[in-house]
Amino acid sequence: MDSARLSKRELVAITDPVDFVGTVIDSIWAKPWPPDDRSEAYREFFLALPKEQRVIWSTWLVQGEVQNGGFGQYFSNSSGDCFIEEARTGFTDLGAHDLEAEFELVLAYFRRNRDRIDAAGSWDEYAKVMGYVAIEENLDRVTSRFLAQMDRFYELRREYVLRHLEVFCEAP
């Protein structure tokens, strides 16, 4: 399937939620993104996407970073960008309320400690701030609870895309 031009028929035929969401992500990734993901042009490109694509993209970024290195990695790679707020509202739009609650716990911690996080001059300093720190429970427990919900999260995103096919599919 040509990921740049999704066909409704081909997309709907993908029944596995992981493959389905991966195909949607590939089609968004195939767009002509600016090369520097920290640039204003990149931010403007992202914000110009249809809201439904921003929901899928921003929540996928959270998932990928958290799966690769926990919430500490997500915030070290996302500090100061527009994806954080888009992901927050994206969880709501998807109906992923349990994931939203976990994200809000970490986000509250991140906001309370933003100056310390931004001032961290090295990975070791950053890890002291974002490593094993009590939020209400350890950050690793929040990450584990978040990741335990991935199967349902894929299903929610598939259902969301199916409700908004016209935004994701350019061909019949």
C-alpha atoms as a PDB file:
ATOM      1  CA  MET A   1       0.000   0.000   0.000  1.00  0.00           C
ATOM      2  CA  ASP A   2       1.315   3.457  -0.886  1.00  0.00           C
ATOM      3  CA  SER A   3       1.447   5.094   2.546  1.00  0.00           C
ATOM      4  CA  ALA A   4       1.410   8.611   1.089  1.00  0.00           C
ATOM      5  CA  ARG A   5      -2.053   8.083  -0.443  1.00  0.00           C
ATOM      6  CA  LEU A   6      -4.238   5.918   1.739  1.00  0.00           C
ATOM      7  CA  SER A   7      -7.211   4.247   0.149  1.00  0.00           C
ATOM      8  CA  LYS A   8     -10.308   3.975   2.349  1.00  0.00           C
ATOM      9  CA  ARG A   9     -10.900   0.453   1.104  1.00  0.00           C
ATOM     10  CA  GLU A  10      -7.329  -0.669   1.884  1.00  0.00           C
ATOM     11  CA  LEU A  11      -7.234   1.043   5.270  1.00  0.00           C
ATOM     12  CA  VAL A  12     -10.590  -0.325   6.435  1.00  0.00           C
ATOM     13  CA  ALA A  13      -9.457  -3.811   5.414  1.00  0.00           C
ATOM     14  CA  ILE A  14      -6.653  -3.703   8.014  1.00  0.00           C
ATOM     15  CA  THR A  15      -8.234  -5.362  11.025  1.00  0.00           C
ATOM     16  CA  ASP A  16      -5.205  -5.559  13.321  1.00  0.00           C
ATOM     17  CA  PRO A  17      -5.213  -2.304  15.353  1.00  0.00           C
ATOM     18  CA  VAL A  18      -1.393  -2.152  15.553  1.00  0.00           C
ATOM     19  CA  ASP A  19      -0.983  -2.531  11.778  1.00  0.00           C
ATOM     20  CA  PHE A  20      -3.846  -0.100  11.199  1.00  0.00           C
ATOM     21  CA  VAL A  21      -2.358   2.629  13.403  1.00  0.00           C
ATOM     22  CA  GLY A  22       1.106   1.982  11.951  1.00  0.00           C
ATOM     23  CA  THR A  23      -0.260   2.501   8.454  1.00  0.00           C
ATOM     24  CA  VAL A  24      -1.899   5.776   9.489  1.00  0.00           C
ATOM     25  CA  ILE A  25       1.308   6.970  11.165  1.00  0.00           C
ATOM     26  CA  ASP A  26       3.298   6.060   8.034  1.00  0.00           C
ATOM     27  CA  SER A  27       0.929   8.139   5.905  1.00  0.00           C
ATOM     28  CA  ILE A  28       1.370  11.154   8.176  1.00  0.00           C
ATOM     29  CA  TRP A  29       5.135  10.614   8.314  1.00  0.00           C
ATOM     30  CA  ALA A  30       5.235  10.509   4.482  1.00  0.00           C
ATOM     31  CA  LYS A  31       4.170  14.159   4.335  1.00  0.00           C
ATOM     32  CA  PRO A  32       6.874  16.749   3.517  1.00  0.00           C
ATOM     33  CA  TRP A  33       7.891  17.554   7.122  1.00  0.00           C
ATOM     34  CA  PRO A  34      10.648  20.144   7.642  1.00  0.00           C
ATOM     35  CA  PRO A  35      13.896  18.372   8.600  1.00  0.00           C
ATOM     36  CA  ASP A  36      14.529  20.062  11.978  1.00  0.00           C
ATOM     37  CA  ASP A  37      11.971  18.804  14.503  1.00  0.00           C
ATOM     38  CA  ARG A  38      12.844  21.670  16.873  1.00  0.00           C
ATOM     39  CA  SER A  39      12.272  24.400  14.309  1.00  0.00           C
ATOM     40  CA  GLU A  40       9.383  26.822  14.082  1.00  0.00           C
ATOM     41  CA  ALA A  41       8.712  25.532  10.547  1.00  0.00           C
ATOM     42  CA  TYR A  42       8.243  22.010  11.945  1.00  0.00           C
ATOM     43  CA  ARG A  43       5.881  23.292  14.631  1.00  0.00           C
ATOM     44  CA  GLU A  44       3.891  25.280  12.052  1.00  0.00           C
ATOM     45  CA  PHE A  45       3.716  22.259   9.753  1.00  0.00           C
ATOM     46  CA  PHE A  46       2.383  20.106  12.587  1.00  0.00           C
ATOM     47  CA  LEU A  47      -0.189  22.717  13.643  1.00  0.00           C
ATOM     48  CA  ALA A  48      -1.384  23.026  10.026  1.00  0.00           C
ATOM     49  CA  LEU A  49      -2.322  19.331   9.931  1.00  0.00           C
ATOM     50  CA  PRO A  50      -6.013  18.569  10.442  1.00  0.00           C
ATOM     51  CA  LYS A  51      -6.848  18.243  14.133  1.00  0.00           C
ATOM     52  CA  GLU A  52      -7.592  14.534  13.767  1.00  0.00           C
ATOM     53  CA  GLN A  53      -4.112  13.878  12.354  1.00  0.00           C
ATOM     54  CA  ARG A  54      -2.544  15.931  15.167  1.00  0.00           C
ATOM     55  CA  VAL A  55      -4.408  13.759  17.698  1.00  0.00           C
ATOM     56  CA  ILE A  56      -3.007  10.555  16.211  1.00  0.00           C
ATOM     57  CA  TRP A  57       0.506  11.943  15.675  1.00  0.00           C
ATOM     58  CA  SER A  58       0.969  13.588  19.074  1.00  0.00           C
ATOM     59  CA  THR A  59      -0.350  10.641  21.068  1.00  0.00           C
ATOM     60  CA  TRP A  60       1.804   8.299  19.007  1.00  0.00           C
ATOM     61  CA  LEU A  61       4.857  10.408  19.928  1.00  0.00           C
ATOM     62  CA  VAL A  62       4.027   9.966  23.611  1.00  0.00           C
ATOM     63  CA  GLN A  63       3.619   6.233  23.180  1.00  0.00           C
ATOM     64  CA  GLY A  64       6.875   5.822  21.253  1.00  0.00           C
ATOM     65  CA  GLU A  65       9.008   7.788  23.686  1.00  0.00           C
ATOM     66  CA  VAL A  66       7.449   6.175  26.767  1.00  0.00           C
ATOM     67  CA  GLN A  67       7.902   2.702  25.298  1.00  0.00           C
ATOM     68  CA  ASN A  68      11.541   3.477  24.486  1.00  0.00           C
ATOM     69  CA  GLY A  69      12.573   5.128  27.752  1.00  0.00           C
ATOM     70  CA  GLY A  70       9.657   6.066  29.986  1.00  0.00           C
ATOM     71  CA  PHE A  71       8.141   9.455  30.611  1.00  0.00           C
ATOM     72  CA  GLY A  72      11.557  10.887  31.443  1.00  0.00           C
ATOM     73  CA  GLN A  73      12.625  10.271  27.853  1.00  0.00           C
ATOM     74  CA  TYR A  74       9.398  11.733  26.497  1.00  0.00           C
ATOM     75  CA  PHE A  75       9.853  15.005  28.359  1.00  0.00           C
ATOM     76  CA  SER A  76      13.578  15.226  27.629  1.00  0.00           C
ATOM     77  CA  ASN A  77      12.797  14.904  23.909  1.00  0.00           C
ATOM     78  CA  SER A  78       9.608  17.005  23.918  1.00  0.00           C
ATOM     79  CA  SER A  79      10.476  19.881  26.222  1.00  0.00           C
ATOM     80  CA  GLY A  80       9.075  23.129  24.944  1.00  0.00           C
ATOM     81  CA  ASP A  81       7.304  21.800  21.882  1.00  0.00           C
ATOM     82  CA  CYS A  82       3.649  21.915  20.927  1.00  0.00           C
ATOM     83  CA  PHE A  83       3.162  18.167  21.053  1.00  0.00           C
ATOM     84  CA  ILE A  84       2.665  18.033  24.832  1.00  0.00           C
ATOM     85  CA  GLU A  85      -0.578  20.018  24.862  1.00  0.00           C
ATOM     86  CA  GLU A  86      -1.772  18.397  21.647  1.00  0.00           C
ATOM     87  CA  ALA A  87      -1.192  14.950  23.179  1.00  0.00           C
ATOM     88  CA  ARG A  88      -2.997  15.940  26.365  1.00  0.00           C
ATOM     89  CA  THR A  89      -6.114  16.971  24.494  1.00  0.00           C
ATOM     90  CA  GLY A  90      -5.628  14.060  22.083  1.00  0.00           C
ATOM     91  CA  PHE A  91      -6.079  11.524  24.857  1.00  0.00           C
ATOM     92  CA  THR A  92      -9.396  13.207  25.683  1.00  0.00           C
ATOM     93  CA  ASP A  93     -10.513  13.239  22.047  1.00  0.00           C
ATOM     94  CA  LEU A  94      -9.693   9.540  21.724  1.00  0.00           C
ATOM     95  CA  GLY A  95     -11.602   8.659  24.879  1.00  0.00           C
ATOM     96  CA  ALA A  96      -8.385   7.298  26.409  1.00  0.00           C
ATOM     97  CA  HIS A  97      -9.254   8.609  29.857  1.00  0.00           C
ATOM     98  CA  ASP A  98      -7.028   6.237  31.839  1.00  0.00           C
ATOM     99  CA  LEU A  99      -4.027   7.163  29.682  1.00  0.00           C
ATOM    100  CA  GLU A 100      -4.956  10.816  30.007  1.00  0.00           C
ATOM    101  CA  ALA A 101      -4.964  10.469  33.816  1.00  0.00           C
ATOM    102  CA  GLU A 102      -1.483   8.893  33.813  1.00  0.00           C
ATOM    103  CA  PHE A 103      -0.205  11.559  31.431  1.00  0.00           C
ATOM    104  CA  GLU A 104      -1.693  14.288  33.652  1.00  0.00           C
ATOM    105  CA  LEU A 105       0.152  12.913  36.707  1.00  0.00           C
ATOM    106  CA  VAL A 106       3.466  13.157  34.921  1.00  0.00           C
ATOM    107  CA  LEU A 107       2.591  16.455  33.274  1.00  0.00           C
ATOM    108  CA  ALA A 108       1.798  18.018  36.670  1.00  0.00           C
ATOM    109  CA  TYR A 109       5.196  16.897  37.947  1.00  0.00           C
ATOM    110  CA  PHE A 110       6.883  18.182  34.802  1.00  0.00           C
ATOM    111  CA  ARG A 111       5.231  21.590  35.153  1.00  0.00           C
ATOM    112  CA  ARG A 112       6.108  21.896  38.847  1.00  0.00           C
ATOM    113  CA  ASN A 113       9.748  21.138  38.074  1.00  0.00           C
ATOM    114  CA  ARG A 114      10.085  22.785  34.669  1.00  0.00           C
ATOM    115  CA  ASP A 115      12.823  25.221  35.762  1.00  0.00           C
ATOM    116  CA  ARG A 116      14.929  22.384  37.202  1.00  0.00           C
ATOM    117  CA  ILE A 117      14.360  20.245  34.132  1.00  0.00           C
ATOM    118  CA  ASP A 118      15.260  23.071  31.746  1.00  0.00           C
ATOM    119  CA  ALA A 119      18.361  23.904  33.817  1.00  0.00           C
ATOM    120  CA  ALA A 120      19.692  20.348  33.744  1.00  0.00           C
ATOM    121  CA  GLY A 121      22.982  20.645  31.902  1.00  0.00           C
ATOM    122  CA  SER A 122      23.585  16.941  31.437  1.00  0.00           C
ATOM    123  CA  TRP A 123      21.730  13.667  31.203  1.00  0.00           C
ATOM    124  CA  ASP A 124      22.803  12.827  34.785  1.00  0.00           C
ATOM    125  CA  GLU A 125      21.297  16.067  36.106  1.00  0.00           C
ATOM    126  CA  TYR A 126      18.157  15.486  34.079  1.00  0.00           C
ATOM    127  CA  ALA A 127      17.866  11.919  35.399  1.00  0.00           C
ATOM    128  CA  LYS A 128      18.032  13.234  38.976  1.00  0.00           C
ATOM    129  CA  VAL A 129      15.001  15.400  38.255  1.00  0.00           C
ATOM    130  CA  MET A 130      13.003  12.979  36.080  1.00  0.00           C
ATOM    131  CA  GLY A 131      14.369   9.593  37.162  1.00  0.00           C
ATOM    132  CA  TYR A 132      12.800   7.685  40.041  1.00  0.00           C
ATOM    133  CA  VAL A 133      10.868  10.537  41.570  1.00  0.00           C
ATOM    134  CA  ALA A 134       7.635  10.261  43.532  1.00  0.00           C
ATOM    135  CA  ILE A 135       4.705  11.782  41.686  1.00  0.00           C
ATOM    136  CA  GLU A 136       2.074  10.050  43.708  1.00  0.00           C
ATOM    137  CA  GLU A 137       3.799   6.789  42.995  1.00  0.00           C
ATOM    138  CA  ASN A 138       7.157   6.215  41.348  1.00  0.00           C
ATOM    139  CA  LEU A 139       7.495   7.437  37.786  1.00  0.00           C
ATOM    140  CA  ASP A 140       8.241   3.891  36.726  1.00  0.00           C
ATOM    141  CA  ARG A 141       4.883   2.746  38.119  1.00  0.00           C
ATOM    142  CA  VAL A 142       3.065   5.455  36.191  1.00  0.00           C
ATOM    143  CA  THR A 143       4.945   4.436  33.059  1.00  0.00           C
ATOM    144  CA  SER A 144       4.036   0.774  33.657  1.00  0.00           C
ATOM    145  CA  ARG A 145       0.363   1.596  34.114  1.00  0.00           C
ATOM    146  CA  PHE A 146       0.452   3.693  30.938  1.00  0.00           C
ATOM    147  CA  LEU A 147       2.117   0.955  28.902  1.00  0.00           C
ATOM    148  CA  ALA A 148      -0.239  -1.726  30.223  1.00  0.00           C
ATOM    149  CA  GLN A 149      -3.021  -0.004  28.285  1.00  0.00           C
ATOM    150  CA  MET A 150      -1.428  -0.064  24.831  1.00  0.00           C
ATOM    151  CA  ASP A 151      -3.708  -2.743  23.356  1.00  0.00           C
ATOM    152  CA  ARG A 152      -6.796  -0.675  24.164  1.00  0.00           C
ATOM    153  CA  PHE A 153      -5.010   2.489  23.023  1.00  0.00           C
ATOM    154  CA  TYR A 154      -4.459   1.009  19.553  1.00  0.00           C
ATOM    155  CA  GLU A 155      -8.129   0.053  19.407  1.00  0.00           C
ATOM    156  CA  LEU A 156      -9.229   3.559  20.421  1.00  0.00           C
ATOM    157  CA  ARG A 157      -7.071   5.141  17.730  1.00  0.00           C
ATOM    158  CA  ARG A 158      -8.387   2.734  15.098  1.00  0.00           C
ATOM    159  CA  GLU A 159     -11.983   3.589  16.082  1.00  0.00           C
ATOM    160  CA  TYR A 160     -11.144   7.318  15.993  1.00  0.00           C
ATOM    161  CA  VAL A 161      -9.600   7.129  12.513  1.00  0.00           C
ATOM    162  CA  LEU A 162     -12.547   5.115  11.213  1.00  0.00           C
ATOM    163  CA  ARG A 163     -14.880   7.894  12.440  1.00  0.00           C
ATOM    164  CA  HIS A 164     -12.764  10.445  10.524  1.00  0.00           C
ATOM    165  CA  LEU A 165     -11.722   8.511   7.419  1.00  0.00           C
ATOM    166  CA  GLU A 166     -12.168  11.543   5.149  1.00  0.00           C
ATOM    167  CA  VAL A 167      -9.274  13.254   6.973  1.00  0.00           C
ATOM    168  CA  PHE A 168      -6.915  10.306   6.663  1.00  0.00           C
ATOM    169  CA  CYS A 169      -7.745   8.911   3.236  1.00  0.00           C
ATOM    170  CA  GLU A 170      -7.233  10.869   0.046  1.00  0.00           C
ATOM    171  CA  ALA A 171      -8.332   8.128  -2.346  1.00  0.00           C
ATOM    172  CA  PRO A 172     -11.509   5.995  -2.467  1.00  0.00           C
END
